[in-house]
C-alpha atoms as a PDB file:
ATOM      1  CA  UNK A   1     -12.458   2.340  16.032  1.00  0.00           C
ATOM      2  CA  UNK A   2     -10.844   3.653  19.210  1.00  0.00           C
ATOM      3  CA  UNK A   3      -8.002   6.136  19.071  1.00  0.00           C
ATOM      4  CA  UNK A   4      -4.659   4.395  19.362  1.00  0.00           C
ATOM      5  CA  UNK A   5      -2.371   4.466  22.397  1.00  0.00           C
ATOM      6  CA  UNK A   6       0.399   2.718  20.443  1.00  0.00           C
ATOM      7  CA  UNK A   7       3.457   4.979  20.367  1.00  0.00           C
ATOM      8  CA  UNK A   8       6.089   4.874  17.625  1.00  0.00           C
ATOM      9  CA  UNK A   9       9.742   5.637  18.408  1.00  0.00           C
ATOM     10  CA  UNK A  10       9.709   9.081  16.819  1.00  0.00           C
ATOM     11  CA  UNK A  11       6.480   9.965  18.691  1.00  0.00           C
ATOM     12  CA  UNK A  12       7.990   9.479  22.174  1.00  0.00           C
ATOM     13  CA  UNK A  13       8.690  13.205  22.767  1.00  0.00           C
ATOM     14  CA  UNK A  14       4.983  13.835  22.159  1.00  0.00           C
ATOM     15  CA  UNK A  15       3.973  11.058  24.528  1.00  0.00           C
ATOM     16  CA  UNK A  16       6.230  12.501  27.259  1.00  0.00           C
ATOM     17  CA  UNK A  17       4.467  15.862  26.926  1.00  0.00           C
ATOM     18  CA  UNK A  18       1.060  14.158  27.086  1.00  0.00           C
ATOM     19  CA  UNK A  19       2.095  12.468  30.336  1.00  0.00           C
ATOM     20  CA  UNK A  20       3.210  15.813  31.776  1.00  0.00           C
ATOM     21  CA  UNK A  21      -0.158  17.292  30.880  1.00  0.00           C
ATOM     22  CA  UNK A  22      -2.036  14.386  32.459  1.00  0.00           C
ATOM     23  CA  UNK A  23      -0.009  14.600  35.674  1.00  0.00           C
ATOM     24  CA  UNK A  24      -0.428  18.362  35.894  1.00  0.00           C
ATOM     25  CA  UNK A  25      -4.183  18.134  35.336  1.00  0.00           C
ATOM     26  CA  UNK A  26      -4.467  15.412  37.975  1.00  0.00           C
ATOM     27  CA  UNK A  27      -2.448  17.499  40.437  1.00  0.00           C
ATOM     28  CA  UNK A  28      -4.705  20.488  39.826  1.00  0.00           C
ATOM     29  CA  UNK A  29      -7.856  18.470  40.521  1.00  0.00           C
ATOM     30  CA  UNK A  30      -6.557  16.635  43.603  1.00  0.00           C
ATOM     31  CA  UNK A  31      -4.986  19.675  45.292  1.00  0.00           C
ATOM     32  CA  UNK A  32      -7.384  22.319  43.940  1.00  0.00           C
ATOM     33  CA  UNK A  33      -4.479  24.332  42.574  1.00  0.00           C
ATOM     34  CA  UNK A  34      -4.860  26.723  39.656  1.00  0.00           C
ATOM     35  CA  UNK A  35      -2.286  25.704  37.042  1.00  0.00           C
ATOM     36  CA  UNK A  36      -4.122  27.066  34.014  1.00  0.00           C
ATOM     37  CA  UNK A  37      -1.076  28.956  32.797  1.00  0.00           C
ATOM     38  CA  UNK A  38       1.204  25.925  33.040  1.00  0.00           C
ATOM     39  CA  UNK A  39      -1.365  23.696  31.281  1.00  0.00           C
ATOM     40  CA  UNK A  40      -1.686  26.250  28.486  1.00  0.00           C
ATOM     41  CA  UNK A  41       2.080  26.332  28.020  1.00  0.00           C
ATOM     42  CA  UNK A  42       2.288  22.527  27.749  1.00  0.00           C
ATOM     43  CA  UNK A  43      -0.639  22.422  25.306  1.00  0.00           C
ATOM     44  CA  UNK A  44       1.114  24.940  23.073  1.00  0.00           C
ATOM     45  CA  UNK A  45       4.284  22.883  23.246  1.00  0.00           C
ATOM     46  CA  UNK A  46       2.318  19.742  22.313  1.00  0.00           C
ATOM     47  CA  UNK A  47       0.869  21.450  19.230  1.00  0.00           C
ATOM     48  CA  UNK A  48       4.298  22.737  18.193  1.00  0.00           C
ATOM     49  CA  UNK A  49       5.804  19.268  18.660  1.00  0.00           C
ATOM     50  CA  UNK A  50       3.037  17.710  16.556  1.00  0.00           C
ATOM     51  CA  UNK A  51       3.689  20.157  13.723  1.00  0.00           C
ATOM     52  CA  UNK A  52       7.407  19.455  13.939  1.00  0.00           C
ATOM     53  CA  UNK A  53       6.974  15.665  13.996  1.00  0.00           C
ATOM     54  CA  UNK A  54       4.330  15.165  11.326  1.00  0.00           C
ATOM     55  CA  UNK A  55       4.952  17.975   8.868  1.00  0.00           C
ATOM     56  CA  UNK A  56       8.219  16.576   7.526  1.00  0.00           C
ATOM     57  CA  UNK A  57       8.224  12.810   7.992  1.00  0.00           C
ATOM     58  CA  UNK A  58      11.071  10.872   6.400  1.00  0.00           C
ATOM     59  CA  UNK A  59      10.599   7.630   4.457  1.00  0.00           C
ATOM     60  CA  UNK A  60      11.310   5.339   7.418  1.00  0.00           C
ATOM     61  CA  UNK A  61       8.849   7.176   9.665  1.00  0.00           C
ATOM     62  CA  UNK A  62       6.178   6.766   6.983  1.00  0.00           C
ATOM     63  CA  UNK A  63       6.936   3.036   6.851  1.00  0.00           C
ATOM     64  CA  UNK A  64       6.350   2.888  10.595  1.00  0.00           C
ATOM     65  CA  UNK A  65       3.013   4.684  10.216  1.00  0.00           C
ATOM     66  CA  UNK A  66       2.042   2.333   7.364  1.00  0.00           C
ATOM     67  CA  UNK A  67       2.546  -0.581   9.796  1.00  0.00           C
ATOM     68  CA  UNK A  68       0.688   1.022  12.707  1.00  0.00           C
ATOM     69  CA  UNK A  69      -1.429  -1.724  14.344  1.00  0.00           C
ATOM     70  CA  UNK A  70      -4.419   0.611  14.742  1.00  0.00           C
ATOM     71  CA  UNK A  71      -4.384   1.767  11.131  1.00  0.00           C
ATOM     72  CA  UNK A  72      -7.669   0.935   9.295  1.00  0.00           C
ATOM     73  CA  UNK A  73      -7.472  -2.353   7.405  1.00  0.00           C
ATOM     74  CA  UNK A  74      -9.323  -3.618   4.338  1.00  0.00           C
ATOM     75  CA  UNK A  75     -12.317  -4.956   6.281  1.00  0.00           C
ATOM     76  CA  UNK A  76     -12.720  -1.563   7.958  1.00  0.00           C
ATOM     77  CA  UNK A  77     -12.936   0.137   4.567  1.00  0.00           C
ATOM     78  CA  UNK A  78     -15.234  -2.572   3.190  1.00  0.00           C
ATOM     79  CA  UNK A  79     -17.716  -2.134   6.037  1.00  0.00           C
ATOM     80  CA  UNK A  80     -17.592   1.670   6.274  1.00  0.00           C
ATOM     81  CA  UNK A  81     -17.025   2.965   2.727  1.00  0.00           C
ATOM     82  CA  UNK A  82     -19.300   0.452   0.962  1.00  0.00           C
ATOM     83  CA  UNK A  83     -22.761  -1.021   1.452  1.00  0.00           C
ATOM     84  CA  UNK A  84     -23.800  -4.653   1.985  1.00  0.00           C
ATOM     85  CA  UNK A  85     -20.395  -6.301   1.612  1.00  0.00           C
ATOM     86  CA  UNK A  86     -20.867 -10.038   1.088  1.00  0.00           C
ATOM     87  CA  UNK A  87     -17.656 -12.027   1.460  1.00  0.00           C
ATOM     88  CA  UNK A  88     -16.978 -14.898  -0.946  1.00  0.00           C
ATOM     89  CA  UNK A  89     -14.588 -17.716  -0.069  1.00  0.00           C
ATOM     90  CA  UNK A  90     -12.172 -20.187  -1.620  1.00  0.00           C
ATOM     91  CA  UNK A  91     -10.132 -20.597  -4.782  1.00  0.00           C
ATOM     92  CA  UNK A  92     -12.016 -23.777  -5.891  1.00  0.00           C
ATOM     93  CA  UNK A  93      -8.658 -25.561  -6.087  1.00  0.00           C
ATOM     94  CA  UNK A  94      -7.003 -25.796  -2.673  1.00  0.00           C
ATOM     95  CA  UNK A  95      -8.540 -23.697   0.097  1.00  0.00           C
ATOM     96  CA  UNK A  96      -9.597 -20.332   1.475  1.00  0.00           C
ATOM     97  CA  UNK A  97      -6.725 -17.999   2.302  1.00  0.00           C
ATOM     98  CA  UNK A  98      -7.798 -15.518   4.973  1.00  0.00           C
ATOM     99  CA  UNK A  99      -4.946 -13.119   4.147  1.00  0.00           C
ATOM    100  CA  UNK A 100      -6.899 -12.086   1.046  1.00  0.00           C
ATOM    101  CA  UNK A 101     -10.584 -11.301   1.389  1.00  0.00           C
ATOM    102  CA  UNK A 102     -13.077 -10.446  -1.304  1.00  0.00           C
ATOM    103  CA  UNK A 103     -16.691 -10.231  -2.260  1.00  0.00           C
ATOM    104  CA  UNK A 104     -19.493  -8.184  -3.733  1.00  0.00           C
ATOM    105  CA  UNK A 105     -20.657  -4.848  -2.336  1.00  0.00           C
ATOM    106  CA  UNK A 106     -22.407  -1.695  -3.481  1.00  0.00           C
ATOM    107  CA  UNK A 107     -20.659   1.619  -4.040  1.00  0.00           C
ATOM    108  CA  UNK A 108     -23.066   4.520  -4.443  1.00  0.00           C
ATOM    109  CA  UNK A 109     -25.742   2.122  -5.669  1.00  0.00           C
ATOM    110  CA  UNK A 110     -23.528   0.216  -8.128  1.00  0.00           C
ATOM    111  CA  UNK A 111     -22.403  -3.389  -7.644  1.00  0.00           C
ATOM    112  CA  UNK A 112     -18.600  -3.690  -7.357  1.00  0.00           C
ATOM    113  CA  UNK A 113     -16.132  -6.453  -6.585  1.00  0.00           C
ATOM    114  CA  UNK A 114     -13.930  -5.758  -3.564  1.00  0.00           C
ATOM    115  CA  UNK A 115     -10.631  -7.566  -2.963  1.00  0.00           C
ATOM    116  CA  UNK A 116      -8.178  -6.713  -0.212  1.00  0.00           C
ATOM    117  CA  UNK A 117      -5.317  -7.990   1.902  1.00  0.00           C
ATOM    118  CA  UNK A 118      -6.155  -8.292   5.575  1.00  0.00           C
ATOM    119  CA  UNK A 119      -3.976  -8.309   8.698  1.00  0.00           C
ATOM    120  CA  UNK A 120      -5.015  -9.117  12.265  1.00  0.00           C
ATOM    121  CA  UNK A 121      -5.450  -6.876  15.304  1.00  0.00           C
ATOM    122  CA  UNK A 122      -4.119  -9.428  17.814  1.00  0.00           C
ATOM    123  CA  UNK A 123      -2.034 -12.598  17.822  1.00  0.00           C
ATOM    124  CA  UNK A 124      -4.995 -14.934  17.285  1.00  0.00           C
ATOM    125  CA  UNK A 125      -6.303 -12.976  14.306  1.00  0.00           C
ATOM    126  CA  UNK A 126      -2.817 -12.475  12.874  1.00  0.00           C
ATOM    127  CA  UNK A 127      -2.313 -16.239  12.862  1.00  0.00           C
ATOM    128  CA  UNK A 128      -5.654 -16.623  11.090  1.00  0.00           C
ATOM    129  CA  UNK A 129      -4.704 -13.945   8.541  1.00  0.00           C
ATOM    130  CA  UNK A 130      -1.072 -15.127   8.321  1.00  0.00           C
ATOM    131  CA  UNK A 131       0.028 -11.581   9.252  1.00  0.00           C
ATOM    132  CA  UNK A 132      -1.366 -10.322   5.941  1.00  0.00           C
ATOM    133  CA  UNK A 133       1.003 -12.484   3.856  1.00  0.00           C
ATOM    134  CA  UNK A 134      -1.053 -14.376   1.241  1.00  0.00           C
ATOM    135  CA  UNK A 135      -0.521 -17.944   0.081  1.00  0.00           C
ATOM    136  CA  UNK A 136      -0.980 -18.937  -3.597  1.00  0.00           C
ATOM    137  CA  UNK A 137      -4.613 -19.859  -2.984  1.00  0.00           C
ATOM    138  CA  UNK A 138      -5.243 -16.272  -1.902  1.00  0.00           C
ATOM    139  CA  UNK A 139      -4.167 -14.959  -5.289  1.00  0.00           C
ATOM    140  CA  UNK A 140      -6.156 -17.664  -7.059  1.00  0.00           C
ATOM    141  CA  UNK A 141      -9.229 -16.733  -5.022  1.00  0.00           C
ATOM    142  CA  UNK A 142      -8.688 -13.097  -5.984  1.00  0.00           C
ATOM    143  CA  UNK A 143      -8.447 -14.035  -9.670  1.00  0.00           C
ATOM    144  CA  UNK A 144     -11.611 -16.150  -9.445  1.00  0.00           C
ATOM    145  CA  UNK A 145     -13.486 -13.141  -8.049  1.00  0.00           C
ATOM    146  CA  UNK A 146     -12.036 -10.804 -10.664  1.00  0.00           C
ATOM    147  CA  UNK A 147     -13.151 -13.158 -13.443  1.00  0.00           C
ATOM    148  CA  UNK A 148     -16.609 -13.206 -11.868  1.00  0.00           C
ATOM    149  CA  UNK A 149     -16.624  -9.415 -11.835  1.00  0.00           C
ATOM    150  CA  UNK A 150     -15.707  -9.344 -15.517  1.00  0.00           C
ATOM    151  CA  UNK A 151     -18.512 -11.785 -16.337  1.00  0.00           C
ATOM    152  CA  UNK A 152     -21.088  -9.565 -14.640  1.00  0.00           C
ATOM    153  CA  UNK A 153     -19.497  -6.263 -15.767  1.00  0.00           C
ATOM    154  CA  UNK A 154     -18.695  -5.122 -12.231  1.00  0.00           C
ATOM    155  CA  UNK A 155     -15.842  -2.661 -11.599  1.00  0.00           C
ATOM    156  CA  UNK A 156     -13.041  -4.032  -9.423  1.00  0.00           C
ATOM    157  CA  UNK A 157     -11.550  -2.303  -6.381  1.00  0.00           C
ATOM    158  CA  UNK A 158      -8.480  -3.800  -4.692  1.00  0.00           C
ATOM    159  CA  UNK A 159      -6.932  -2.642  -1.413  1.00  0.00           C
ATOM    160  CA  UNK A 160      -3.248  -3.419  -0.893  1.00  0.00           C
ATOM    161  CA  UNK A 161      -1.833  -3.913   2.603  1.00  0.00           C
ATOM    162  CA  UNK A 162       0.797  -6.659   2.831  1.00  0.00           C
ATOM    163  CA  UNK A 163       4.472  -7.004   3.745  1.00  0.00           C
ATOM    164  CA  UNK A 164       4.639  -9.469   0.839  1.00  0.00           C
ATOM    165  CA  UNK A 165       3.437 -12.882  -0.237  1.00  0.00           C
ATOM    166  CA  UNK A 166       4.177 -15.673   2.244  1.00  0.00           C
ATOM    167  CA  UNK A 167       7.699 -17.037   1.509  1.00  0.00           C
ATOM    168  CA  UNK A 168       7.377 -20.354   3.325  1.00  0.00           C
ATOM    169  CA  UNK A 169       7.887 -23.872   1.958  1.00  0.00           C
ATOM    170  CA  UNK A 170       4.146 -24.580   1.665  1.00  0.00           C
ATOM    171  CA  UNK A 171       3.666 -21.430  -0.367  1.00  0.00           C
ATOM    172  CA  UNK A 172       6.498 -22.368  -2.721  1.00  0.00           C
ATOM    173  CA  UNK A 173       5.186 -25.925  -3.055  1.00  0.00           C
ATOM    174  CA  UNK A 174       1.858 -24.525  -4.250  1.00  0.00           C
ATOM    175  CA  UNK A 175       3.631 -22.184  -6.717  1.00  0.00           C
ATOM    176  CA  UNK A 176       3.174 -18.690  -5.296  1.00  0.00           C
ATOM    177  CA  UNK A 177       5.331 -17.062  -7.993  1.00  0.00           C
ATOM    178  CA  UNK A 178       3.210 -18.651 -10.725  1.00  0.00           C
ATOM    179  CA  UNK A 179      -0.011 -17.537  -9.022  1.00  0.00           C
ATOM    180  CA  UNK A 180       1.193 -13.930  -8.824  1.00  0.00           C
ATOM    181  CA  UNK A 181       2.464 -13.985 -12.419  1.00  0.00           C
ATOM    182  CA  UNK A 182      -0.864 -15.304 -13.711  1.00  0.00           C
ATOM    183  CA  UNK A 183      -2.738 -12.581 -11.798  1.00  0.00           C
ATOM    184  CA  UNK A 184      -0.522  -9.881 -13.294  1.00  0.00           C
ATOM    185  CA  UNK A 185      -1.150 -11.233 -16.786  1.00  0.00           C
ATOM    186  CA  UNK A 186      -4.886 -11.695 -16.342  1.00  0.00           C
ATOM    187  CA  UNK A 187      -5.491  -8.349 -14.618  1.00  0.00           C
ATOM    188  CA  UNK A 188      -3.887  -6.582 -17.560  1.00  0.00           C
ATOM    189  CA  UNK A 189      -6.606  -8.099 -19.797  1.00  0.00           C
ATOM    190  CA  UNK A 190      -9.753  -7.778 -17.663  1.00  0.00           C
ATOM    191  CA  UNK A 191     -12.451  -5.886 -19.563  1.00  0.00           C
ATOM    192  CA  UNK A 192     -13.748  -3.875 -16.606  1.00  0.00           C
ATOM    193  CA  UNK A 193     -12.369  -0.784 -14.829  1.00  0.00           C
ATOM    194  CA  UNK A 194      -9.928  -1.564 -12.015  1.00  0.00           C
ATOM    195  CA  UNK A 195      -8.868   0.797  -9.217  1.00  0.00           C
ATOM    196  CA  UNK A 196      -6.197  -0.174  -6.687  1.00  0.00           C
ATOM    197  CA  UNK A 197      -5.599   1.670  -3.409  1.00  0.00           C
ATOM    198  CA  UNK A 198      -2.498   1.127  -1.265  1.00  0.00           C
ATOM    199  CA  UNK A 199      -3.816   1.641   2.267  1.00  0.00           C
ATOM    200  CA  UNK A 200      -0.768   0.508   4.268  1.00  0.00           C
ATOM    201  CA  UNK A 201       2.120  -1.707   3.229  1.00  0.00           C
ATOM    202  CA  UNK A 202       2.696  -2.510  -0.431  1.00  0.00           C
ATOM    203  CA  UNK A 203       5.363  -5.192  -0.414  1.00  0.00           C
ATOM    204  CA  UNK A 204       6.863  -6.572  -3.619  1.00  0.00           C
ATOM    205  CA  UNK A 205       5.025  -9.104  -5.817  1.00  0.00           C
ATOM    206  CA  UNK A 206       2.714  -9.801  -2.913  1.00  0.00           C
ATOM    207  CA  UNK A 207       1.189  -6.392  -3.535  1.00  0.00           C
ATOM    208  CA  UNK A 208       1.418  -6.468  -7.332  1.00  0.00           C
ATOM    209  CA  UNK A 209      -0.548  -9.738  -7.425  1.00  0.00           C
ATOM    210  CA  UNK A 210      -3.725  -7.685  -6.963  1.00  0.00           C
ATOM    211  CA  UNK A 211      -2.267  -4.348  -8.069  1.00  0.00           C
ATOM    212  CA  UNK A 212      -2.482  -4.111 -11.880  1.00  0.00           C
ATOM    213  CA  UNK A 213      -5.071  -1.385 -12.410  1.00  0.00           C
ATOM    214  CA  UNK A 214      -6.258   1.557 -14.463  1.00  0.00           C
ATOM    215  CA  UNK A 215      -5.810   3.868 -11.484  1.00  0.00           C
ATOM    216  CA  UNK A 216      -3.406   3.284  -8.590  1.00  0.00           C
ATOM    217  CA  UNK A 217      -4.013   5.456  -5.525  1.00  0.00           C
ATOM    218  CA  UNK A 218      -1.994   5.573  -2.306  1.00  0.00           C
ATOM    219  CA  UNK A 219      -2.586   7.036   1.135  1.00  0.00           C
ATOM    220  CA  UNK A 220       0.135   9.517   2.003  1.00  0.00           C
ATOM    221  CA  UNK A 221       1.714   7.454   4.797  1.00  0.00           C
ATOM    222  CA  UNK A 222       1.522   4.133   2.951  1.00  0.00           C
ATOM    223  CA  UNK A 223       4.427   2.704   0.965  1.00  0.00           C
ATOM    224  CA  UNK A 224       4.918   0.612  -2.189  1.00  0.00           C
ATOM    225  CA  UNK A 225       8.234  -1.124  -2.804  1.00  0.00           C
ATOM    226  CA  UNK A 226       9.994  -3.987  -4.549  1.00  0.00           C
ATOM    227  CA  UNK A 227      11.371  -5.088  -1.160  1.00  0.00           C
ATOM    228  CA  UNK A 228      10.979  -4.145   2.491  1.00  0.00           C
ATOM    229  CA  UNK A 229      13.526  -1.696   3.952  1.00  0.00           C
ATOM    230  CA  UNK A 230      14.734  -4.437   6.295  1.00  0.00           C
ATOM    231  CA  UNK A 231      15.248  -6.875   3.428  1.00  0.00           C
ATOM    232  CA  UNK A 232      17.066  -4.271   1.374  1.00  0.00           C
ATOM    233  CA  UNK A 233      19.327  -3.353   4.308  1.00  0.00           C
ATOM    234  CA  UNK A 234      20.143  -7.009   4.968  1.00  0.00           C
ATOM    235  CA  UNK A 235      21.164  -7.539   1.328  1.00  0.00           C
ATOM    236  CA  UNK A 236      23.093  -4.324   0.699  1.00  0.00           C
ATOM    237  CA  UNK A 237      24.652  -3.608   4.100  1.00  0.00           C
ATOM    238  CA  UNK A 238      24.304  -6.975   5.881  1.00  0.00           C
ATOM    239  CA  UNK A 239      22.623  -5.162   8.770  1.00  0.00           C
ATOM    240  CA  UNK A 240      18.920  -4.444   9.349  1.00  0.00           C
ATOM    241  CA  UNK A 241      19.946  -1.424  11.409  1.00  0.00           C
ATOM    242  CA  UNK A 242      20.360   0.333   8.063  1.00  0.00           C
ATOM    243  CA  UNK A 243      16.612   0.049   7.358  1.00  0.00           C
ATOM    244  CA  UNK A 244      16.054   3.850   7.536  1.00  0.00           C
ATOM    245  CA  UNK A 245      18.843   4.336   4.995  1.00  0.00           C
ATOM    246  CA  UNK A 246      17.303   1.664   2.770  1.00  0.00           C
ATOM    247  CA  UNK A 247      13.840   3.241   3.007  1.00  0.00           C
ATOM    248  CA  UNK A 248      15.237   6.533   1.729  1.00  0.00           C
ATOM    249  CA  UNK A 249      17.156   4.848  -1.108  1.00  0.00           C
ATOM    250  CA  UNK A 250      14.149   2.809  -2.273  1.00  0.00           C
ATOM    251  CA  UNK A 251      11.997   5.945  -2.838  1.00  0.00           C
ATOM    252  CA  UNK A 252       9.033   3.958  -1.553  1.00  0.00           C
ATOM    253  CA  UNK A 253       7.004   6.829  -0.075  1.00  0.00           C
ATOM    254  CA  UNK A 254       3.939   8.331  -1.736  1.00  0.00           C
ATOM    255  CA  UNK A 255       5.574  11.576  -2.889  1.00  0.00           C
ATOM    256  CA  UNK A 256       8.387   9.801  -4.738  1.00  0.00           C
ATOM    257  CA  UNK A 257       5.999   7.234  -6.210  1.00  0.00           C
ATOM    258  CA  UNK A 258       3.838  10.019  -7.626  1.00  0.00           C
ATOM    259  CA  UNK A 259       6.849  11.745  -9.204  1.00  0.00           C
ATOM    260  CA  UNK A 260       7.977   8.421 -10.689  1.00  0.00           C
ATOM    261  CA  UNK A 261       4.414   7.850 -12.032  1.00  0.00           C
ATOM    262  CA  UNK A 262       4.106   4.533 -10.219  1.00  0.00           C
ATOM    263  CA  UNK A 263       0.899   5.847  -8.601  1.00  0.00           C
ATOM    264  CA  UNK A 264      -1.672   8.251 -10.000  1.00  0.00           C
ATOM    265  CA  UNK A 265      -2.834  10.084  -6.880  1.00  0.00           C
ATOM    266  CA  UNK A 266      -1.868  10.549  -3.235  1.00  0.00           C
ATOM    267  CA  UNK A 267      -4.753  10.568  -0.733  1.00  0.00           C
ATOM    268  CA  UNK A 268      -4.403  12.794   2.311  1.00  0.00           C
ATOM    269  CA  UNK A 269      -4.508  11.289   5.789  1.00  0.00           C
ATOM    270  CA  UNK A 270      -5.553  12.878   9.093  1.00  0.00           C
ATOM    271  CA  UNK A 271      -2.751  14.728  10.869  1.00  0.00           C
ATOM    272  CA  UNK A 272      -0.501  12.128  12.504  1.00  0.00           C
ATOM    273  CA  UNK A 273      -1.734   9.175  10.451  1.00  0.00           C
ATOM    274  CA  UNK A 274      -4.851   7.291   9.369  1.00  0.00           C
ATOM    275  CA  UNK A 275      -5.306   5.693  12.811  1.00  0.00           C
ATOM    276  CA  UNK A 276      -6.068   9.093  14.346  1.00  0.00           C
ATOM    277  CA  UNK A 277      -9.300   9.521  12.360  1.00  0.00           C
ATOM    278  CA  UNK A 278     -10.328   6.431  10.356  1.00  0.00           C
ATOM    279  CA  UNK A 279     -13.711   7.957   9.496  1.00  0.00           C
ATOM    280  CA  UNK A 280     -11.974  10.736   7.584  1.00  0.00           C
ATOM    281  CA  UNK A 281     -10.023   8.106   5.620  1.00  0.00           C
ATOM    282  CA  UNK A 282     -13.249   6.322   4.704  1.00  0.00           C
ATOM    283  CA  UNK A 283     -14.655   9.591   3.330  1.00  0.00           C
ATOM    284  CA  UNK A 284     -11.405  10.301   1.473  1.00  0.00           C
ATOM    285  CA  UNK A 285     -11.493   6.869  -0.164  1.00  0.00           C
ATOM    286  CA  UNK A 286     -15.134   7.288  -1.209  1.00  0.00           C
ATOM    287  CA  UNK A 287     -14.387  10.635  -2.819  1.00  0.00           C
ATOM    288  CA  UNK A 288     -11.304   9.346  -4.660  1.00  0.00           C
ATOM    289  CA  UNK A 289     -13.129   6.270  -5.984  1.00  0.00           C
ATOM    290  CA  UNK A 290     -16.076   8.348  -7.155  1.00  0.00           C
ATOM    291  CA  UNK A 291     -13.702  10.592  -9.103  1.00  0.00           C
ATOM    292  CA  UNK A 292     -11.711   7.688 -10.575  1.00  0.00           C
ATOM    293  CA  UNK A 293     -14.747   5.729 -11.781  1.00  0.00           C
ATOM    294  CA  UNK A 294     -16.436   8.796 -13.231  1.00  0.00           C
ATOM    295  CA  UNK A 295     -13.392   9.151 -15.504  1.00  0.00           C
ATOM    296  CA  UNK A 296     -12.955   5.445 -16.294  1.00  0.00           C
ATOM    297  CA  UNK A 297     -16.608   4.884 -17.231  1.00  0.00           C
ATOM    298  CA  UNK A 298     -16.228   7.353 -20.092  1.00  0.00           C
ATOM    299  CA  UNK A 299     -13.427   5.277 -21.663  1.00  0.00           C
ATOM    300  CA  UNK A 300     -14.300   2.513 -24.181  1.00  0.00           C
ATOM    301  CA  UNK A 301     -13.038  -0.927 -23.174  1.00  0.00           C
ATOM    302  CA  UNK A 302     -10.529  -1.180 -26.034  1.00  0.00           C
ATOM    303  CA  UNK A 303      -9.042   2.168 -25.083  1.00  0.00           C
ATOM    304  CA  UNK A 304      -9.094   1.223 -21.393  1.00  0.00           C
ATOM    305  CA  UNK A 305      -7.026  -1.895 -22.064  1.00  0.00           C
ATOM    306  CA  UNK A 306      -4.612   0.006 -24.290  1.00  0.00           C
ATOM    307  CA  UNK A 307      -4.173   2.714 -21.638  1.00  0.00           C
ATOM    308  CA  UNK A 308      -3.592   0.068 -18.965  1.00  0.00           C
ATOM    309  CA  UNK A 309      -0.911  -1.601 -21.089  1.00  0.00           C
ATOM    310  CA  UNK A 310       0.847   1.686 -21.818  1.00  0.00           C
ATOM    311  CA  UNK A 311       0.647   2.755 -18.174  1.00  0.00           C
ATOM    312  CA  UNK A 312       2.890  -0.123 -17.083  1.00  0.00           C
ATOM    313  CA  UNK A 313       5.103  -0.137 -20.165  1.00  0.00           C
ATOM    314  CA  UNK A 314       6.244   3.418 -19.570  1.00  0.00           C
ATOM    315  CA  UNK A 315       7.274   2.871 -15.938  1.00  0.00           C
ATOM    316  CA  UNK A 316      10.964   2.979 -15.149  1.00  0.00           C
ATOM    317  CA  UNK A 317      13.984   4.761 -16.530  1.00  0.00           C
ATOM    318  CA  UNK A 318      16.552   3.018 -18.672  1.00  0.00           C
ATOM    319  CA  UNK A 319      19.073   3.703 -21.434  1.00  0.00           C
ATOM    320  CA  UNK A 320      20.254   1.631 -24.345  1.00  0.00           C
ATOM    321  CA  UNK A 321      23.790   1.820 -25.702  1.00  0.00           C
ATOM    322  CA  UNK A 322      23.793   3.059 -29.266  1.00  0.00           C
ATOM    323  CA  UNK A 323      24.998   0.673 -31.945  1.00  0.00           C
ATOM    324  CA  UNK A 324      28.282   1.956 -33.476  1.00  0.00           C
ATOM    325  CA  UNK A 325      27.972   3.354 -36.991  1.00  0.00           C
ATOM    326  CA  UNK A 326      29.482   1.234 -39.831  1.00  0.00           C
ATOM    327  CA  UNK A 327      32.416   3.653 -40.205  1.00  0.00           C
ATOM    328  CA  UNK A 328      33.166   3.400 -36.490  1.00  0.00           C
ATOM    329  CA  UNK A 329      33.089  -0.381 -36.707  1.00  0.00           C
ATOM    330  CA  UNK A 330      35.651  -0.292 -39.503  1.00  0.00           C
ATOM    331  CA  UNK A 331      37.886   2.124 -37.587  1.00  0.00           C
ATOM    332  CA  UNK A 332      37.888  -0.020 -34.466  1.00  0.00           C
ATOM    333  CA  UNK A 333      38.247  -3.327 -36.262  1.00  0.00           C
ATOM    334  CA  UNK A 334      41.585  -5.094 -36.036  1.00  0.00           C
ATOM    335  CA  UNK A 335      43.637  -4.663 -39.226  1.00  0.00           C
ATOM    336  CA  UNK A 336      43.952  -7.753 -41.374  1.00  0.00           C
ATOM    337  CA  UNK A 337      47.388  -9.359 -41.269  1.00  0.00           C
ATOM    338  CA  UNK A 338      49.486  -8.654 -44.342  1.00  0.00           C
ATOM    339  CA  UNK A 339      50.827 -11.521 -46.399  1.00  0.00           C
ATOM    340  CA  UNK A 340      54.557 -11.749 -46.120  1.00  0.00           C
END
């Protein structure tokens, strides 16, 4: 994969410095002028700017990196981190949704079932993949493959990268909410180890439809949220311009998700984002999966299912109002009217 030339808003100061360096280098070559000192100064400034930009990214900047069009997608991981991926198609009910892909592959010599959400690199492919927003048949295809994996005792690996399930009329007509709900129920009962990795966007039920797992991993610049920042901003403040504020309030970034125990591990990305060195991300994923499965294989199936159930039951923070004691009830009760 080629290094990206796509520039995000917060990266523009860095791009301006790169242009200065290019122009200065060109000037030096064309006019045979020694500008070594000036080039060195700009290079130092570029490195300092990189450290400043990427060392303390806020939630909204991480959302932008999660959506980077050159970020590695599911098919990239399937082809580079696994061997002999064989894609399987169709839900055997309606059709073949290209926003969710899946099939059998080998991971370190063991057969595994891979399922992932896939976006497109250009307009034509995005239309084919529906911009990574699955229809109901995508979730039903995923469940068919997961049931196949259970039958043949194959571990399941799912890669999440979607803004959310497709919200259009056709999707609703074919019962997308029911399809996601059934997947959540069935994944909680599958008698094989399941590992989910959030590689980019993790939007709402669209992500959770293939996201119930024994281990949930997330790349450090990915996000996982009940709603997109734009959707949240439109609801709460009636203005999508408040998306950065919404991103911070949602606590959707990897660090917050780890503290809240929504995810189990954060996977490091190359400096500046996964698109800068996809090969390093492939190696990181391989290492994390090897570690996760080495732990899960030691767990008996009954215990695995119990742990999976408890993992999701303990998520969230809530409080229940205590029931008043009998004496308090009597004290607060209205006095009975006296007979005159």
